[in-house]
Amino acid sequence: MDLAPAGATTDCKGGHVTDLDAYFKCTSIDGGLFVMDMDVTSLDALKNVQTITNGGIQLANNKNLED
């Protein structure tokens, strides 16, 4: 199991994502996380997230997202 980066936050607020990098230090997210219509190629910025409460993650229309 990878450890979160130094200074990682344990509780971030969810919502409609406009900057995926803003979630890099989050280990848990409260509320749904919506990654839609973005020009991202990966979800690596979310690799430290361990839990999402009170919602889930929704991905849609991210045409550059690689498998």
N, C-alpha and C. Protein backbone atom coordinates (compact mmCIF):
# COMPACT_ATOMS: atom_id res chain seq x y z
N MET A 1 0.84 -1.18 0.00
CA MET A 1 0.00 0.00 0.00
C MET A 1 0.88 1.24 0.00
N ASP A 2 0.63 2.14 -0.92
CA ASP A 2 1.38 3.39 -0.99
C ASP A 2 0.93 4.33 0.12
N LEU A 3 1.86 5.08 0.65
CA LEU A 3 1.53 6.07 1.65
C LEU A 3 1.17 7.38 0.97
N ALA A 4 0.29 8.12 1.59
CA ALA A 4 -0.08 9.44 1.07
C ALA A 4 1.12 10.37 1.16
N PRO A 5 1.19 11.37 0.30
CA PRO A 5 2.33 12.30 0.34
C PRO A 5 2.35 13.08 1.65
N ALA A 6 3.52 13.58 2.01
CA ALA A 6 3.66 14.38 3.22
C ALA A 6 2.70 15.55 3.16
N GLY A 7 2.01 15.82 4.25
CA GLY A 7 1.06 16.92 4.29
C GLY A 7 -0.28 16.58 3.67
N ALA A 8 -0.53 15.29 3.43
CA ALA A 8 -1.79 14.89 2.81
C ALA A 8 -2.96 15.27 3.72
N THR A 9 -4.02 15.67 3.09
CA THR A 9 -5.24 16.03 3.81
C THR A 9 -6.08 14.77 3.95
N THR A 10 -6.81 14.66 5.02
CA THR A 10 -7.62 13.45 5.18
C THR A 10 -9.06 13.67 4.77
N ASP A 11 -9.51 14.91 4.61
CA ASP A 11 -10.90 15.15 4.26
C ASP A 11 -11.01 16.30 3.27
N CYS A 12 -11.27 15.97 2.04
CA CYS A 12 -11.47 16.98 1.00
C CYS A 12 -12.93 16.98 0.59
N LYS A 13 -13.40 18.08 0.10
CA LYS A 13 -14.78 18.20 -0.37
C LYS A 13 -14.86 17.76 -1.82
N GLY A 14 -15.90 17.01 -2.14
CA GLY A 14 -16.14 16.60 -3.51
C GLY A 14 -16.82 17.70 -4.29
N GLY A 15 -17.22 17.37 -5.50
CA GLY A 15 -17.91 18.34 -6.34
C GLY A 15 -17.52 18.14 -7.79
N HIS A 16 -17.87 19.09 -8.62
CA HIS A 16 -17.51 19.05 -10.03
C HIS A 16 -16.05 19.47 -10.16
N VAL A 17 -15.22 18.60 -10.67
CA VAL A 17 -13.78 18.84 -10.73
C VAL A 17 -13.44 19.77 -11.89
N THR A 18 -12.70 20.83 -11.58
CA THR A 18 -12.18 21.71 -12.62
C THR A 18 -10.66 21.62 -12.69
N ASP A 19 -10.05 21.14 -11.59
CA ASP A 19 -8.60 20.96 -11.54
C ASP A 19 -8.31 19.67 -10.78
N LEU A 20 -8.03 18.62 -11.52
CA LEU A 20 -7.79 17.31 -10.92
C LEU A 20 -6.61 17.33 -9.96
N ASP A 21 -5.60 18.13 -10.23
CA ASP A 21 -4.42 18.20 -9.37
C ASP A 21 -4.75 18.73 -7.97
N ALA A 22 -5.86 19.41 -7.81
CA ALA A 22 -6.26 19.92 -6.49
C ALA A 22 -6.55 18.79 -5.52
N TYR A 23 -6.77 17.58 -6.03
CA TYR A 23 -7.09 16.42 -5.19
C TYR A 23 -5.89 15.52 -4.93
N PHE A 24 -4.70 15.92 -5.36
CA PHE A 24 -3.50 15.09 -5.23
C PHE A 24 -3.20 14.68 -3.80
N LYS A 25 -3.40 15.57 -2.84
CA LYS A 25 -3.07 15.27 -1.44
C LYS A 25 -4.24 14.73 -0.64
N CYS A 26 -5.36 14.47 -1.29
CA CYS A 26 -6.55 13.97 -0.57
C CYS A 26 -6.48 12.46 -0.37
N THR A 27 -6.80 12.03 0.83
CA THR A 27 -6.91 10.60 1.09
C THR A 27 -8.36 10.18 1.24
N SER A 28 -9.25 11.14 1.51
CA SER A 28 -10.68 10.85 1.56
C SER A 28 -11.44 12.06 1.02
N ILE A 29 -12.56 11.78 0.36
CA ILE A 29 -13.37 12.84 -0.23
C ILE A 29 -14.79 12.70 0.29
N ASP A 30 -15.35 13.80 0.76
CA ASP A 30 -16.73 13.82 1.25
C ASP A 30 -17.61 14.44 0.18
N GLY A 31 -18.51 13.63 -0.36
CA GLY A 31 -19.40 14.09 -1.42
C GLY A 31 -18.99 13.47 -2.74
N GLY A 32 -19.88 13.49 -3.69
CA GLY A 32 -19.58 12.91 -4.99
C GLY A 32 -18.48 13.68 -5.71
N LEU A 33 -17.77 12.98 -6.54
CA LEU A 33 -16.70 13.58 -7.33
C LEU A 33 -17.06 13.40 -8.80
N PHE A 34 -17.18 14.49 -9.52
CA PHE A 34 -17.62 14.47 -10.91
C PHE A 34 -16.49 14.95 -11.81
N VAL A 35 -15.93 14.03 -12.59
CA VAL A 35 -14.86 14.34 -13.54
C VAL A 35 -15.49 14.25 -14.93
N MET A 36 -15.89 15.40 -15.46
CA MET A 36 -16.63 15.42 -16.71
C MET A 36 -16.10 16.49 -17.66
N ASP A 37 -16.07 16.13 -18.93
CA ASP A 37 -15.69 17.07 -19.99
C ASP A 37 -14.33 17.72 -19.75
N MET A 38 -13.39 16.92 -19.26
CA MET A 38 -12.06 17.45 -19.00
C MET A 38 -11.07 16.94 -20.05
N ASP A 39 -9.97 17.62 -20.14
CA ASP A 39 -8.94 17.29 -21.12
C ASP A 39 -7.79 16.55 -20.42
N VAL A 40 -8.14 15.52 -19.63
CA VAL A 40 -7.13 14.76 -18.88
C VAL A 40 -6.83 13.44 -19.59
N THR A 41 -5.61 12.95 -19.40
CA THR A 41 -5.23 11.67 -19.99
C THR A 41 -5.16 10.56 -18.96
N SER A 42 -5.11 10.93 -17.65
CA SER A 42 -5.06 9.92 -16.60
C SER A 42 -5.72 10.47 -15.33
N LEU A 43 -5.97 9.56 -14.42
CA LEU A 43 -6.54 9.93 -13.12
C LEU A 43 -5.50 9.78 -12.01
N ASP A 44 -4.23 9.85 -12.36
CA ASP A 44 -3.15 9.67 -11.39
C ASP A 44 -3.22 10.64 -10.21
N ALA A 45 -3.79 11.81 -10.41
CA ALA A 45 -3.90 12.77 -9.31
C ALA A 45 -4.78 12.26 -8.18
N LEU A 46 -5.60 11.24 -8.46
CA LEU A 46 -6.49 10.68 -7.44
C LEU A 46 -5.93 9.42 -6.79
N LYS A 47 -4.67 9.10 -7.05
CA LYS A 47 -4.13 7.82 -6.59
C LYS A 47 -4.04 7.69 -5.07
N ASN A 48 -4.08 8.79 -4.33
CA ASN A 48 -4.00 8.72 -2.87
C ASN A 48 -5.37 8.62 -2.21
N VAL A 49 -6.44 8.78 -2.98
CA VAL A 49 -7.80 8.71 -2.42
C VAL A 49 -8.09 7.27 -2.03
N GLN A 50 -8.45 7.09 -0.77
CA GLN A 50 -8.78 5.77 -0.25
C GLN A 50 -10.28 5.58 -0.09
N THR A 51 -11.01 6.67 0.21
CA THR A 51 -12.46 6.57 0.39
C THR A 51 -13.17 7.79 -0.17
N ILE A 52 -14.38 7.55 -0.69
CA ILE A 52 -15.28 8.63 -1.08
C ILE A 52 -16.60 8.34 -0.36
N THR A 53 -17.00 9.26 0.53
CA THR A 53 -18.23 9.07 1.29
C THR A 53 -19.31 10.01 0.78
N ASN A 54 -20.56 9.64 1.02
CA ASN A 54 -21.71 10.46 0.63
C ASN A 54 -21.74 10.73 -0.87
N GLY A 55 -21.40 9.74 -1.64
CA GLY A 55 -21.41 9.87 -3.10
C GLY A 55 -20.35 8.96 -3.68
N GLY A 56 -20.19 9.01 -4.95
CA GLY A 56 -19.18 8.19 -5.62
C GLY A 56 -18.43 9.05 -6.61
N ILE A 57 -17.81 8.41 -7.55
CA ILE A 57 -17.10 9.13 -8.59
C ILE A 57 -17.81 8.87 -9.92
N GLN A 58 -18.00 9.92 -10.67
CA GLN A 58 -18.62 9.80 -11.99
C GLN A 58 -17.65 10.35 -13.02
N LEU A 59 -17.42 9.55 -14.06
CA LEU A 59 -16.55 9.95 -15.16
C LEU A 59 -17.38 10.01 -16.42
N ALA A 60 -17.28 11.08 -17.19
CA ALA A 60 -18.03 11.19 -18.43
C ALA A 60 -17.37 12.19 -19.39
N ASN A 61 -17.38 11.84 -20.64
CA ASN A 61 -16.93 12.72 -21.73
C ASN A 61 -15.49 13.21 -21.57
N ASN A 62 -14.63 12.33 -21.07
CA ASN A 62 -13.20 12.65 -20.97
C ASN A 62 -12.50 11.92 -22.12
N LYS A 63 -12.56 12.51 -23.29
CA LYS A 63 -12.15 11.83 -24.52
C LYS A 63 -10.67 11.47 -24.57
N ASN A 64 -9.84 12.15 -23.81
CA ASN A 64 -8.40 11.88 -23.85
C ASN A 64 -7.96 10.90 -22.76
N LEU A 65 -8.89 10.45 -21.93
CA LEU A 65 -8.56 9.53 -20.85
C LEU A 65 -8.13 8.19 -21.41
N GLU A 66 -6.94 7.76 -20.99
CA GLU A 66 -6.38 6.50 -21.50
C GLU A 66 -6.77 5.35 -20.60
N ASP A 67 -6.85 4.15 -21.17
CA ASP A 67 -7.19 2.96 -20.39
C ASP A 67 -6.05 2.56 -19.49
